[in-house]
Amino acid sequence: MEKELLFEGTENTSSINNKEFSPQGARIDVTTTGKVAGKVAGLILTTHNALMKPDGTGEADVRSIVFSNGEPLFVWGRSTGKVVDPTPTYKIEYDLTFQTPSKRLAYLNTTKGWAESLYNFATGENNLKVYAVK
């Protein structure tokens, strides 16, 4: 898989909603906000609708809006993650789709994305890198 870095940045948790606990794990909604820089730069708002499993793995539906020079870029997809040292850090990988009305960013409408991040539950910080997949 050939990747081209589109943007990277740091998000901070603004809210966590514990929705449900079951034998499958904990269903939570995590909302993060922050700034990104790169080919796409601006403010980012993300919601992770996640299932944290008892074995330390997880999966989520992810939806983000990046406001780049006043133009929205919608980013969504699925992610998988696992607890890594030092705990409680989650290493997360994402398969993404982009959509934007922006003429400047229109090439992303036909581009697939992939991302990786480290999310620290203790600090609420998520460090991410988002790539175009070629």
Protein backbone atom coordinates (compact mmCIF):
# COMPACT_ATOMS: atom_id res chain seq x y z
CA MET A 1 0.00 0.00 0.00
CA GLU A 2 1.50 3.32 -1.10
CA LYS A 3 0.55 6.23 1.16
CA GLU A 4 0.76 10.01 0.86
CA LEU A 5 0.45 12.07 4.05
CA LEU A 6 -2.56 14.40 3.83
CA PHE A 7 -2.49 15.82 7.36
CA GLU A 8 -1.45 15.16 10.93
CA GLY A 9 -2.36 16.67 14.23
CA THR A 10 -3.51 16.34 17.78
CA GLU A 11 -7.07 16.10 19.06
CA ASN A 12 -8.15 16.43 22.68
CA THR A 13 -11.17 14.71 24.18
CA SER A 14 -14.10 17.02 24.80
CA SER A 15 -16.54 14.32 25.98
CA ILE A 16 -16.94 10.59 26.63
CA ASN A 17 -20.37 9.00 26.94
CA ASN A 18 -20.50 5.49 28.45
CA LYS A 19 -23.53 4.12 26.61
CA GLU A 20 -23.78 0.43 27.44
CA PHE A 21 -21.93 -2.43 29.12
CA SER A 22 -22.40 -6.05 28.06
CA PRO A 23 -20.40 -9.29 27.79
CA GLN A 24 -19.14 -7.96 24.40
CA GLY A 25 -17.59 -4.92 26.11
CA ALA A 26 -18.27 -1.23 26.67
CA ARG A 27 -20.00 0.91 24.05
CA ILE A 28 -18.78 4.49 24.28
CA ASP A 29 -18.96 7.70 22.26
CA VAL A 30 -15.77 9.76 22.33
CA THR A 31 -15.75 13.29 20.89
CA THR A 32 -12.42 14.98 20.17
CA THR A 33 -11.44 18.37 18.77
CA GLY A 34 -8.13 19.77 17.62
CA LYS A 35 -5.98 21.13 14.82
CA VAL A 36 -4.39 19.46 11.80
CA ALA A 37 -1.64 20.59 9.45
CA GLY A 38 -0.37 19.44 6.08
CA LYS A 39 -1.99 19.40 2.62
CA VAL A 40 -5.23 19.83 4.56
CA ALA A 41 -4.96 22.21 7.50
CA GLY A 42 -7.50 23.53 9.94
CA LEU A 43 -9.77 22.57 12.82
CA ILE A 44 -11.04 18.99 13.27
CA LEU A 45 -14.04 17.61 15.16
CA THR A 46 -14.32 13.80 15.47
CA THR A 47 -16.80 11.37 17.02
CA HIS A 48 -15.82 7.74 17.66
CA ASN A 49 -18.78 5.39 18.30
CA ALA A 50 -16.68 2.61 19.81
CA LEU A 51 -16.89 -0.87 21.28
CA MET A 52 -14.07 -1.55 23.75
CA LYS A 53 -13.79 -5.33 24.12
CA PRO A 54 -12.70 -7.15 27.30
CA ASP A 55 -9.60 -8.54 25.50
CA GLY A 56 -8.14 -5.03 25.04
CA THR A 57 -9.15 -4.63 21.39
CA GLY A 58 -11.78 -2.32 19.98
CA GLU A 59 -13.61 -1.16 16.90
CA ALA A 60 -15.44 2.03 16.00
CA ASP A 61 -17.41 3.98 13.46
CA VAL A 62 -15.58 7.29 13.06
CA ARG A 63 -16.85 10.58 11.66
CA SER A 64 -14.84 13.80 11.36
CA ILE A 65 -15.27 17.26 9.94
CA VAL A 66 -12.17 19.24 9.07
CA PHE A 67 -12.71 22.96 8.49
CA SER A 68 -9.92 23.97 6.10
CA ASN A 69 -9.97 27.67 5.13
CA GLY A 70 -13.71 27.74 5.83
CA GLU A 71 -14.37 24.71 3.61
CA PRO A 72 -15.61 21.44 5.14
CA LEU A 73 -13.99 18.08 4.53
CA PHE A 74 -16.09 15.16 5.76
CA VAL A 75 -14.12 12.06 6.74
CA TRP A 76 -15.68 8.78 7.85
CA GLY A 77 -14.91 5.13 8.18
CA ARG A 78 -14.15 2.18 10.45
CA SER A 79 -11.33 1.74 12.87
CA THR A 80 -9.77 -1.05 14.88
CA GLY A 81 -7.52 -0.68 17.84
CA LYS A 82 -5.74 -2.39 20.68
CA VAL A 83 -4.23 -1.45 24.01
CA VAL A 84 -0.45 -0.99 23.84
CA ASP A 85 2.21 -0.07 26.39
CA PRO A 86 2.19 2.23 28.15
CA THR A 87 -1.44 1.54 29.01
CA PRO A 88 -4.02 3.05 28.78
CA THR A 89 -2.86 3.93 25.25
CA TYR A 90 -4.79 2.63 22.25
CA LYS A 91 -3.09 2.14 18.86
CA ILE A 92 -5.78 2.71 16.21
CA GLU A 93 -5.90 2.14 12.43
CA TYR A 94 -8.63 3.56 10.20
CA ASP A 95 -10.01 2.88 6.71
CA LEU A 96 -11.48 6.18 5.50
CA THR A 97 -13.63 7.87 2.88
CA PHE A 98 -13.57 11.60 2.08
CA GLN A 99 -16.26 13.97 0.80
CA THR A 100 -16.12 17.72 0.26
CA PRO A 101 -17.91 20.43 -1.74
CA SER A 102 -14.58 22.31 -1.95
CA LYS A 103 -13.16 22.79 -5.43
CA ARG A 104 -9.66 23.04 -3.90
CA LEU A 105 -10.01 19.65 -2.16
CA ALA A 106 -12.26 17.95 -4.77
CA TYR A 107 -9.56 15.37 -5.61
CA LEU A 108 -10.26 13.80 -2.20
CA ASN A 109 -13.79 12.82 -3.29
CA THR A 110 -12.29 9.95 -5.29
CA THR A 111 -9.46 9.17 -2.86
CA LYS A 112 -9.43 6.39 -0.28
CA GLY A 113 -7.84 7.12 3.06
CA TRP A 114 -5.99 5.31 5.79
CA ALA A 115 -4.94 6.67 9.17
CA GLU A 116 -3.13 5.72 12.32
CA SER A 117 -3.28 7.25 15.77
CA LEU A 118 -2.29 6.80 19.38
CA TYR A 119 -5.08 7.68 21.81
CA ASN A 120 -4.17 8.10 25.49
CA PHE A 121 -7.19 7.55 27.74
CA ALA A 122 -5.33 9.07 30.73
CA THR A 123 -4.69 12.42 29.01
CA GLY A 124 -7.49 12.37 26.40
CA GLU A 125 -4.99 13.15 23.65
CA ASN A 126 -5.20 11.57 20.19
CA ASN A 127 -2.17 11.99 17.88
CA LEU A 128 -3.12 11.14 14.30
CA LYS A 129 -1.75 10.92 10.77
CA VAL A 130 -4.12 10.66 7.79
CA TYR A 131 -2.96 9.39 4.41
CA ALA A 132 -4.28 9.10 0.87
CA VAL A 133 -3.92 5.51 -0.33
CA LYS A 134 -2.70 4.98 -3.89
